[in-house]
Amino acid sequence: MVTAKITDWEDDIFACLMCGYCAPVCPPYQEMGWESITPRAKMHYLKQFYLRGLVDFLLKRKVRIDEKFAEAVYKCTSCGHCETVCPVDIPFAKRWDEIKQWLIDRNVADFPEHRQVYENVLREHNIYGEPHEERDAWIPEEAKISTHPEVIFWVGCAQSYRQRKVARDVVRILNAAGVNYSILGKDEWCTGAPLMRMGYTRAVRAQLAPHNVEEVAKTGAKTLVTACAECFRAFRRDYREMIGNPPFSVYHISQFVEKLVRKKRLRLTKPMSKVVTLHDACHLGRNCGMYEEPRKALKLIPQLKAVEMRRNREETLCSGASGGFNLIWEKEAANIARRRLEEAVRSGAEVLATTCPHAEEHMKEVARRANIPIETVDLVELIAGALESEEAEVTPEAHSQR
């Protein structure tokens, strides 16, 4: 087992200017107001720990990595906003994952709520701890599964167990376009994206990433498509940094739909007279740089009017549902989501669309409790709603997806 050392982050620790640009954009800081949880404060403390010496010992200065510091590090939604505003380009998104693993290794971070998710994935290969054999129970009768697919639809934990309508809607879209596709079913394991945000990166690198990439590669498919922002980030960014480029292309469903429409393989013809605003999921937007693709997908829907919230794209406000933050600090996470929902209402939208299943589930619940008058849906539901019903019966054609 290779354990990280503080020297691994030496360049970043000393590069930090303590400028404070990261503080006002940090969602937990906006909600809690403690300077100690800002990115710059955490970098400053790491620097002091790195430089500790005999004088500190003689003067009994307590510069140590303990549970209090660990709690400050974990008061983070993994939104990546601190990285986008950093003037010296510290890769905070990756560093927080590594530092959390380091804290776990030092036995100063052990949150029961996070450990439960970790154990669920190890035992049942999904974050909820649901029976693994039920992972493909959502598959509808009309799914046209191929034995020699060109495309693998990566479903993810949320859409396999909690948001099955979204998974079925993806199938409708693929059927309508005549895509030659398949699904891994029980060979699909959690990508580990939620675990990485909680600090369990080593397990993902050693077990989940190799298994998932190998299982997709074994099908011979040249393209992977997913509707989950976290799963997309795992394959597009995290896995590549861990084990190298996979032998297949990775698409988010919004990219893939635009491609299918451009090639005249998919027609979205059913009008949808709704005012919709897009919540830029942090993992798809800031962490993968995909802002325009979901917007282009919305523009393909006839009569749909898209409006923007004040904070959008790189400046979007996190929903508070990621990084395991909402599992521990429920009240603060709900307040973060409430501010986002209220911003959506002020935009004049009737519907808030997102590409993150966890953000959708979280904001739906907060809106229900706070009686906020806006509907939250997955982008896929809107796209599928623009399909004419007979299009779902198109026979799959053997076309290359590359």
Protein backbone atom coordinates (compact mmCIF):
# COMPACT_ATOMS: atom_id res chain seq x y z
CA MET A 1 0.00 0.00 0.00
CA VAL A 2 1.45 3.33 -1.08
CA THR A 3 0.55 6.12 1.33
CA ALA A 4 0.64 9.74 0.24
CA LYS A 5 3.02 12.12 1.97
CA ILE A 6 2.64 15.84 2.53
CA THR A 7 5.73 16.34 0.36
CA ASP A 8 3.62 15.15 -2.59
CA TRP A 9 1.81 18.50 -2.46
CA GLU A 10 4.82 20.68 -1.66
CA ASP A 11 4.60 22.71 -4.88
CA ASP A 12 0.93 23.52 -4.35
CA ILE A 13 1.33 24.31 -0.66
CA PHE A 14 4.00 26.90 -1.38
CA ALA A 15 2.32 28.17 -4.56
CA CYS A 16 -0.79 29.24 -2.65
CA LEU A 17 -0.79 33.05 -2.41
CA MET A 18 -3.35 33.21 0.41
CA CYS A 19 -5.15 35.67 -1.85
CA GLY A 20 -8.59 34.53 -0.72
CA TYR A 21 -10.23 34.36 -4.15
CA CYS A 22 -11.36 30.84 -3.24
CA ALA A 23 -13.18 31.87 -0.08
CA PRO A 24 -16.28 33.70 -1.37
CA VAL A 25 -17.03 31.03 -4.02
CA CYS A 26 -16.87 28.09 -1.57
CA PRO A 27 -20.44 26.83 -0.88
CA PRO A 28 -19.75 25.52 2.66
CA TYR A 29 -18.02 28.81 3.55
CA GLN A 30 -20.98 30.75 2.15
CA GLU A 31 -23.24 28.75 4.43
CA MET A 32 -21.09 28.29 7.56
CA GLY A 33 -18.85 31.35 7.50
CA TRP A 34 -15.80 29.77 9.14
CA GLU A 35 -12.48 30.90 7.64
CA SER A 36 -10.92 27.58 8.68
CA ILE A 37 -12.91 25.68 6.04
CA THR A 38 -11.87 27.87 3.10
CA PRO A 39 -9.37 26.34 0.65
CA ARG A 40 -6.73 28.95 1.47
CA ALA A 41 -6.99 28.28 5.22
CA LYS A 42 -6.56 24.56 4.69
CA MET A 43 -3.54 25.16 2.44
CA HIS A 44 -2.08 27.52 5.06
CA TYR A 45 -2.48 24.91 7.79
CA LEU A 46 -0.82 22.26 5.62
CA LYS A 47 2.07 24.66 5.06
CA GLN A 48 2.48 25.23 8.78
CA PHE A 49 2.43 21.49 9.38
CA TYR A 50 5.02 20.98 6.63
CA LEU A 51 7.32 23.64 8.16
CA ARG A 52 6.91 22.59 11.79
CA GLY A 53 10.20 22.15 13.64
CA LEU A 54 12.07 22.26 16.93
CA VAL A 55 10.95 25.80 17.77
CA ASP A 56 7.31 24.73 17.52
CA PHE A 57 8.05 21.82 19.84
CA LEU A 58 9.84 24.02 22.39
CA LEU A 59 7.10 26.64 22.35
CA LYS A 60 4.43 23.89 22.51
CA ARG A 61 2.75 25.06 19.34
CA LYS A 62 0.16 22.45 18.40
CA VAL A 63 0.52 22.17 14.65
CA ARG A 64 -0.87 18.73 13.93
CA ILE A 65 -3.16 16.87 11.61
CA ASP A 66 -6.11 15.85 13.74
CA GLU A 67 -9.86 15.28 13.62
CA LYS A 68 -10.53 19.02 13.76
CA PHE A 69 -8.46 19.63 10.62
CA ALA A 70 -10.05 16.59 8.95
CA GLU A 71 -13.51 18.03 9.59
CA ALA A 72 -12.46 21.30 7.94
CA VAL A 73 -11.21 19.41 4.88
CA TYR A 74 -14.42 17.41 4.58
CA LYS A 75 -16.57 20.53 4.75
CA CYS A 76 -16.30 20.57 0.98
CA THR A 77 -18.85 19.75 -1.73
CA SER A 78 -16.17 18.86 -4.31
CA CYS A 79 -17.67 21.48 -6.62
CA GLY A 80 -14.27 22.60 -7.96
CA HIS A 81 -15.08 26.32 -7.90
CA CYS A 82 -11.93 27.05 -5.91
CA GLU A 83 -9.88 25.58 -8.75
CA THR A 84 -11.47 27.78 -11.42
CA VAL A 85 -10.69 31.03 -9.57
CA CYS A 86 -7.19 30.12 -8.34
CA PRO A 87 -4.66 32.57 -9.90
CA VAL A 88 -1.82 30.03 -9.62
CA ASP A 89 -3.83 27.08 -10.99
CA ILE A 90 -3.68 24.76 -7.99
CA PRO A 91 -5.55 21.58 -9.05
CA PHE A 92 -7.79 21.63 -5.99
CA ALA A 93 -10.34 19.10 -7.27
CA LYS A 94 -7.71 16.37 -7.43
CA ARG A 95 -5.83 17.54 -4.33
CA TRP A 96 -8.83 17.39 -2.00
CA ASP A 97 -9.45 13.77 -3.05
CA GLU A 98 -5.82 12.91 -2.30
CA ILE A 99 -5.72 14.80 0.99
CA LYS A 100 -8.89 13.07 2.17
CA GLN A 101 -7.29 9.67 1.44
CA TRP A 102 -4.21 10.86 3.36
CA LEU A 103 -6.38 11.75 6.35
CA ILE A 104 -8.03 8.33 6.24
CA ASP A 105 -4.59 6.70 6.15
CA ARG A 106 -3.58 8.72 9.23
CA ASN A 107 -6.71 7.52 11.05
CA VAL A 108 -7.97 11.04 11.66
CA ALA A 109 -10.91 10.86 9.24
CA ASP A 110 -13.56 8.21 9.69
CA PHE A 111 -17.08 9.49 9.15
CA PRO A 112 -19.64 6.67 9.67
CA GLU A 113 -21.89 8.08 6.92
CA HIS A 114 -19.06 7.89 4.39
CA ARG A 115 -17.77 4.54 5.55
CA GLN A 116 -21.25 3.08 5.05
CA VAL A 117 -21.21 4.15 1.40
CA TYR A 118 -17.72 2.68 1.02
CA GLU A 119 -18.80 -0.64 2.51
CA ASN A 120 -21.93 -0.70 0.35
CA VAL A 121 -19.82 -0.41 -2.79
CA LEU A 122 -17.36 -3.08 -1.68
CA ARG A 123 -20.17 -5.47 -0.74
CA GLU A 124 -22.87 -4.84 -3.38
CA HIS A 125 -21.04 -2.67 -5.95
CA ASN A 126 -23.50 0.21 -5.54
CA ILE A 127 -23.59 3.19 -3.20
CA TYR A 128 -26.98 2.28 -1.69
CA GLY A 129 -26.13 -1.26 -0.57
CA GLU A 130 -29.01 -2.62 -2.67
CA PRO A 131 -28.72 -6.25 -3.90
CA HIS A 132 -26.28 -6.37 -6.79
CA GLU A 133 -28.43 -8.91 -8.65
CA GLU A 134 -31.12 -6.22 -8.99
CA ARG A 135 -28.86 -3.79 -10.81
CA ASP A 136 -30.45 -4.52 -14.19
CA ALA A 137 -34.01 -4.98 -12.92
CA TRP A 138 -34.99 -1.65 -14.50
CA ILE A 139 -34.47 -2.80 -18.11
CA PRO A 140 -37.75 -2.41 -20.03
CA GLU A 141 -39.13 -5.00 -22.45
CA GLU A 142 -38.61 -2.64 -25.38
CA ALA A 143 -34.85 -2.45 -24.83
CA LYS A 144 -33.12 -3.65 -28.00
CA ILE A 145 -29.98 -5.15 -26.46
CA SER A 146 -27.31 -6.20 -28.96
CA THR A 147 -24.85 -9.06 -28.52
CA HIS A 148 -22.28 -7.19 -30.61
CA PRO A 149 -22.76 -3.57 -29.53
CA GLU A 150 -21.08 -0.50 -30.89
CA VAL A 151 -22.25 1.49 -27.86
CA ILE A 152 -22.38 0.66 -24.15
CA PHE A 153 -24.95 2.57 -22.14
CA TRP A 154 -23.35 3.07 -18.73
CA VAL A 155 -26.28 3.35 -16.32
CA GLY A 156 -24.71 4.15 -12.94
CA CYS A 157 -25.96 3.44 -9.41
CA ALA A 158 -28.56 6.20 -9.16
CA GLN A 159 -30.35 5.32 -12.38
CA SER A 160 -30.08 1.58 -11.75
CA TYR A 161 -31.78 1.79 -8.35
CA ARG A 162 -33.35 5.19 -7.64
CA GLN A 163 -34.08 6.98 -10.92
CA ARG A 164 -35.00 4.17 -13.25
CA LYS A 165 -37.23 6.34 -15.41
CA VAL A 166 -34.12 8.23 -16.57
CA ALA A 167 -32.45 4.96 -17.57
CA ARG A 168 -35.56 3.88 -19.47
CA ASP A 169 -35.69 7.24 -21.22
CA VAL A 170 -32.09 6.78 -22.39
CA VAL A 171 -33.17 3.42 -23.85
CA ARG A 172 -36.03 5.17 -25.64
CA ILE A 173 -33.59 7.64 -27.17
CA LEU A 174 -31.18 4.93 -28.28
CA ASN A 175 -34.02 2.86 -29.73
CA ALA A 176 -35.40 5.84 -31.61
CA ALA A 177 -32.02 6.53 -33.21
CA GLY A 178 -31.46 2.89 -34.16
CA VAL A 179 -28.31 2.68 -32.07
CA ASN A 180 -26.66 -0.73 -31.77
CA TYR A 181 -26.17 -0.80 -28.00
CA SER A 182 -25.89 -2.98 -24.94
CA ILE A 183 -25.79 -2.65 -21.15
CA LEU A 184 -23.35 -4.37 -18.80
CA GLY A 185 -26.03 -5.24 -16.28
CA LYS A 186 -24.52 -7.15 -13.37
CA ASP A 187 -21.02 -6.65 -14.78
CA GLU A 188 -21.40 -2.93 -14.15
CA TRP A 189 -19.99 -1.80 -10.80
CA CYS A 190 -20.15 1.63 -9.23
CA THR A 191 -17.57 3.86 -10.91
CA GLY A 192 -16.42 4.93 -7.46
CA ALA A 193 -16.91 8.61 -8.22
CA PRO A 194 -18.71 9.26 -4.89
CA LEU A 195 -16.01 7.29 -3.05
CA MET A 196 -13.21 9.38 -4.56
CA ARG A 197 -14.89 12.56 -3.33
CA MET A 198 -14.97 11.02 0.17
CA GLY A 199 -11.31 10.04 0.12
CA TYR A 200 -11.48 6.36 -0.84
CA THR A 201 -9.44 6.86 -3.99
CA ARG A 202 -7.18 3.86 -3.48
CA ALA A 203 -10.07 1.38 -3.66
CA VAL A 204 -11.23 2.93 -6.92
CA ARG A 205 -7.77 2.74 -8.47
CA ALA A 206 -7.15 -0.83 -7.35
CA GLN A 207 -10.56 -2.40 -7.93
CA LEU A 208 -13.36 -0.39 -9.51
CA ALA A 209 -11.58 1.44 -12.33
CA PRO A 210 -9.74 -1.64 -13.73
CA HIS A 211 -12.87 -3.79 -13.51
CA ASN A 212 -15.18 -1.29 -15.20
CA VAL A 213 -12.82 -0.39 -18.02
CA GLU A 214 -12.08 -4.08 -18.67
CA GLU A 215 -15.76 -5.05 -18.74
CA VAL A 216 -16.61 -2.32 -21.24
CA ALA A 217 -13.58 -3.20 -23.38
CA LYS A 218 -14.56 -6.91 -23.41
CA THR A 219 -17.80 -6.06 -25.25
CA GLY A 220 -15.85 -4.69 -28.19
CA ALA A 221 -17.88 -1.47 -28.10
CA LYS A 222 -16.03 1.62 -29.25
CA THR A 223 -18.26 4.09 -27.44
CA LEU A 224 -19.54 4.49 -23.89
CA VAL A 225 -22.54 6.76 -23.24
CA THR A 226 -23.77 7.79 -19.81
CA ALA A 227 -26.39 10.17 -18.48
CA CYS A 228 -24.71 10.56 -15.08
CA ALA A 229 -22.38 13.53 -14.60
CA GLU A 230 -20.38 11.73 -11.89
CA CYS A 231 -19.93 8.57 -13.97
CA PHE A 232 -18.90 10.72 -16.93
CA ARG A 233 -16.25 12.44 -14.83
CA ALA A 234 -14.97 9.08 -13.60
CA PHE A 235 -14.41 7.70 -17.11
CA ARG A 236 -13.41 10.96 -18.79
CA ARG A 237 -11.09 12.36 -16.14
CA ASP A 238 -10.47 10.23 -13.03
CA TYR A 239 -9.86 6.88 -14.71
CA ARG A 240 -7.53 8.40 -17.27
CA GLU A 241 -5.39 9.89 -14.50
CA MET A 242 -5.38 6.56 -12.65
CA ILE A 243 -4.94 3.87 -15.30
CA GLY A 244 -4.58 5.67 -18.64
CA ASN A 245 -6.90 6.20 -21.60
CA PRO A 246 -9.60 3.54 -22.05
CA PRO A 247 -9.90 1.79 -25.45
CA PHE A 248 -13.23 3.47 -26.18
CA SER A 249 -14.69 6.96 -26.52
CA VAL A 250 -16.69 8.44 -23.64
CA TYR A 251 -19.79 10.56 -24.29
CA HIS A 252 -22.29 12.27 -22.07
CA ILE A 253 -25.82 11.71 -23.38
CA SER A 254 -26.17 15.41 -24.26
CA GLN A 255 -23.15 15.16 -26.58
CA PHE A 256 -24.39 11.93 -28.08
CA VAL A 257 -27.90 13.24 -28.75
CA GLU A 258 -26.54 16.29 -30.57
CA LYS A 259 -24.39 13.98 -32.68
CA LEU A 260 -27.34 11.73 -33.52
CA VAL A 261 -29.50 14.70 -34.51
CA ARG A 262 -26.70 16.17 -36.63
CA LYS A 263 -26.38 12.84 -38.49
CA LYS A 264 -30.18 12.78 -38.97
CA ARG A 265 -30.51 9.56 -37.00
CA LEU A 266 -32.68 11.14 -34.33
CA ARG A 267 -35.57 13.58 -34.66
CA LEU A 268 -36.97 15.57 -31.76
CA THR A 269 -40.30 16.73 -33.14
CA LYS A 270 -42.76 16.82 -30.25
CA PRO A 271 -43.24 20.44 -29.05
CA MET A 272 -42.60 21.24 -25.41
CA SER A 273 -43.95 24.63 -24.34
CA LYS A 274 -41.93 25.00 -21.17
CA VAL A 275 -39.50 27.53 -19.74
CA VAL A 276 -36.41 25.63 -18.60
CA THR A 277 -33.21 26.66 -16.87
CA LEU A 278 -30.12 24.46 -16.68
CA HIS A 279 -28.25 23.71 -13.47
CA ASP A 280 -24.63 23.12 -14.50
CA ALA A 281 -23.66 19.97 -12.61
CA CYS A 282 -20.25 20.58 -11.05
CA HIS A 283 -18.79 17.26 -12.21
CA LEU A 284 -19.86 17.78 -15.82
CA GLY A 285 -19.22 21.51 -15.98
CA ARG A 286 -16.36 22.81 -13.85
CA ASN A 287 -14.65 19.44 -13.51
CA CYS A 288 -14.94 18.36 -17.16
CA GLY A 289 -15.43 21.67 -18.95
CA MET A 290 -18.77 20.71 -20.53
CA TYR A 291 -21.09 23.71 -20.43
CA GLU A 292 -22.45 24.08 -23.93
CA GLU A 293 -23.38 20.49 -24.76
CA PRO A 294 -26.42 20.32 -22.40
CA ARG A 295 -27.54 23.73 -23.65
CA LYS A 296 -27.30 22.59 -27.27
CA ALA A 297 -29.42 19.56 -26.37
CA LEU A 298 -32.11 21.81 -24.89
CA LYS A 299 -32.15 23.93 -28.05
CA LEU A 300 -33.01 20.83 -30.08
CA ILE A 301 -36.41 20.54 -28.36
CA PRO A 302 -39.18 22.34 -30.32
CA GLN A 303 -40.81 25.34 -28.59
CA LEU A 304 -38.78 24.90 -25.41
CA LYS A 305 -37.54 28.21 -24.03
CA ALA A 306 -34.21 28.09 -22.22
CA VAL A 307 -33.32 30.82 -19.73
CA GLU A 308 -30.19 31.29 -17.64
CA MET A 309 -29.80 31.70 -13.92
CA ARG A 310 -27.57 34.55 -12.78
CA ARG A 311 -24.83 32.13 -11.81
CA ASN A 312 -24.16 29.72 -14.64
CA ARG A 313 -21.34 27.82 -16.33
CA GLU A 314 -18.08 28.33 -14.36
CA GLU A 315 -19.83 30.49 -11.78
CA THR A 316 -22.67 28.06 -11.13
CA LEU A 317 -23.73 27.47 -7.55
CA CYS A 318 -23.32 23.89 -6.35
CA SER A 319 -26.43 22.01 -5.22
CA GLY A 320 -24.67 20.82 -2.06
CA ALA A 321 -25.27 17.15 -2.91
CA SER A 322 -21.73 15.99 -3.69
CA GLY A 323 -18.58 15.05 -1.81
CA GLY A 324 -20.61 13.30 0.85
CA PHE A 325 -21.22 16.76 2.33
CA ASN A 326 -25.00 16.34 2.49
CA LEU A 327 -24.67 13.02 4.35
CA ILE A 328 -23.09 14.77 7.35
CA TRP A 329 -24.17 18.41 7.21
CA GLU A 330 -27.76 17.95 6.04
CA LYS A 331 -29.07 21.35 7.12
CA GLU A 332 -26.26 23.28 5.45
CA ALA A 333 -26.52 21.18 2.28
CA ALA A 334 -30.27 21.85 2.15
CA ASN A 335 -29.66 25.59 2.52
CA ILE A 336 -27.18 25.52 -0.38
CA ALA A 337 -29.76 23.72 -2.54
CA ARG A 338 -32.49 26.12 -1.48
CA ARG A 339 -30.46 29.12 -2.64
CA ARG A 340 -29.97 27.42 -6.01
CA LEU A 341 -33.66 26.62 -6.35
CA GLU A 342 -34.65 30.17 -5.48
CA GLU A 343 -32.25 31.44 -8.12
CA ALA A 344 -33.94 29.14 -10.64
CA VAL A 345 -37.34 30.54 -9.71
CA ARG A 346 -36.06 34.11 -10.17
CA SER A 347 -34.94 33.22 -13.68
CA GLY A 348 -38.59 32.76 -14.64
CA ALA A 349 -38.21 29.04 -15.29
CA GLU A 350 -40.91 26.46 -14.67
CA VAL A 351 -38.46 23.58 -14.83
CA LEU A 352 -34.93 23.15 -13.51
CA ALA A 353 -32.96 20.63 -15.59
CA THR A 354 -29.77 18.96 -14.44
CA THR A 355 -27.41 16.18 -15.52
CA CYS A 356 -26.50 15.00 -12.02
CA PRO A 357 -28.83 12.39 -10.46
CA HIS A 358 -27.70 13.24 -6.93
CA ALA A 359 -28.31 16.96 -7.46
CA GLU A 360 -31.75 16.19 -8.89
CA GLU A 361 -32.74 13.95 -5.99
CA HIS A 362 -31.40 16.45 -3.44
CA MET A 363 -33.04 19.53 -4.95
CA LYS A 364 -36.36 17.75 -5.43
CA GLU A 365 -36.48 16.92 -1.75
CA VAL A 366 -35.45 20.42 -0.67
CA ALA A 367 -38.03 22.00 -2.99
CA ARG A 368 -40.73 19.73 -1.56
CA ARG A 369 -39.87 20.56 2.04
CA ALA A 370 -39.49 24.29 1.44
CA ASN A 371 -42.49 24.46 -0.93
CA ILE A 372 -40.41 26.06 -3.71
CA PRO A 373 -42.53 26.21 -6.89
CA ILE A 374 -40.26 24.63 -9.48
CA GLU A 375 -39.99 21.15 -11.00
CA THR A 376 -36.56 19.50 -11.09
CA VAL A 377 -35.90 16.92 -13.81
CA ASP A 378 -33.03 15.18 -15.53
CA LEU A 379 -32.09 16.56 -18.95
CA VAL A 380 -32.78 13.09 -20.41
CA GLU A 381 -36.46 13.31 -19.44
CA LEU A 382 -36.87 16.47 -21.50
CA ILE A 383 -35.11 14.97 -24.52
CA ALA A 384 -37.17 11.78 -24.37
CA GLY A 385 -40.32 13.89 -23.99
CA ALA A 386 -39.62 15.44 -27.40
CA LEU A 387 -39.67 12.04 -29.13
CA GLU A 388 -42.78 11.07 -31.03
CA SER A 389 -44.04 7.80 -29.53
CA GLU A 390 -43.68 5.82 -32.74
CA GLU A 391 -39.98 6.71 -32.96
CA ALA A 392 -39.27 4.35 -30.08
CA GLU A 393 -40.10 1.43 -32.38
CA VAL A 394 -37.37 2.10 -34.98
CA THR A 395 -35.26 -0.99 -35.63
CA PRO A 396 -31.61 -0.55 -34.65
CA GLU A 397 -29.25 -0.06 -37.55
CA ALA A 398 -25.60 -0.99 -37.68
CA HIS A 399 -23.96 2.42 -37.81
CA SER A 400 -20.55 3.35 -36.42
CA GLN A 401 -20.74 5.68 -33.41
CA ARG A 402 -17.23 7.00 -33.68
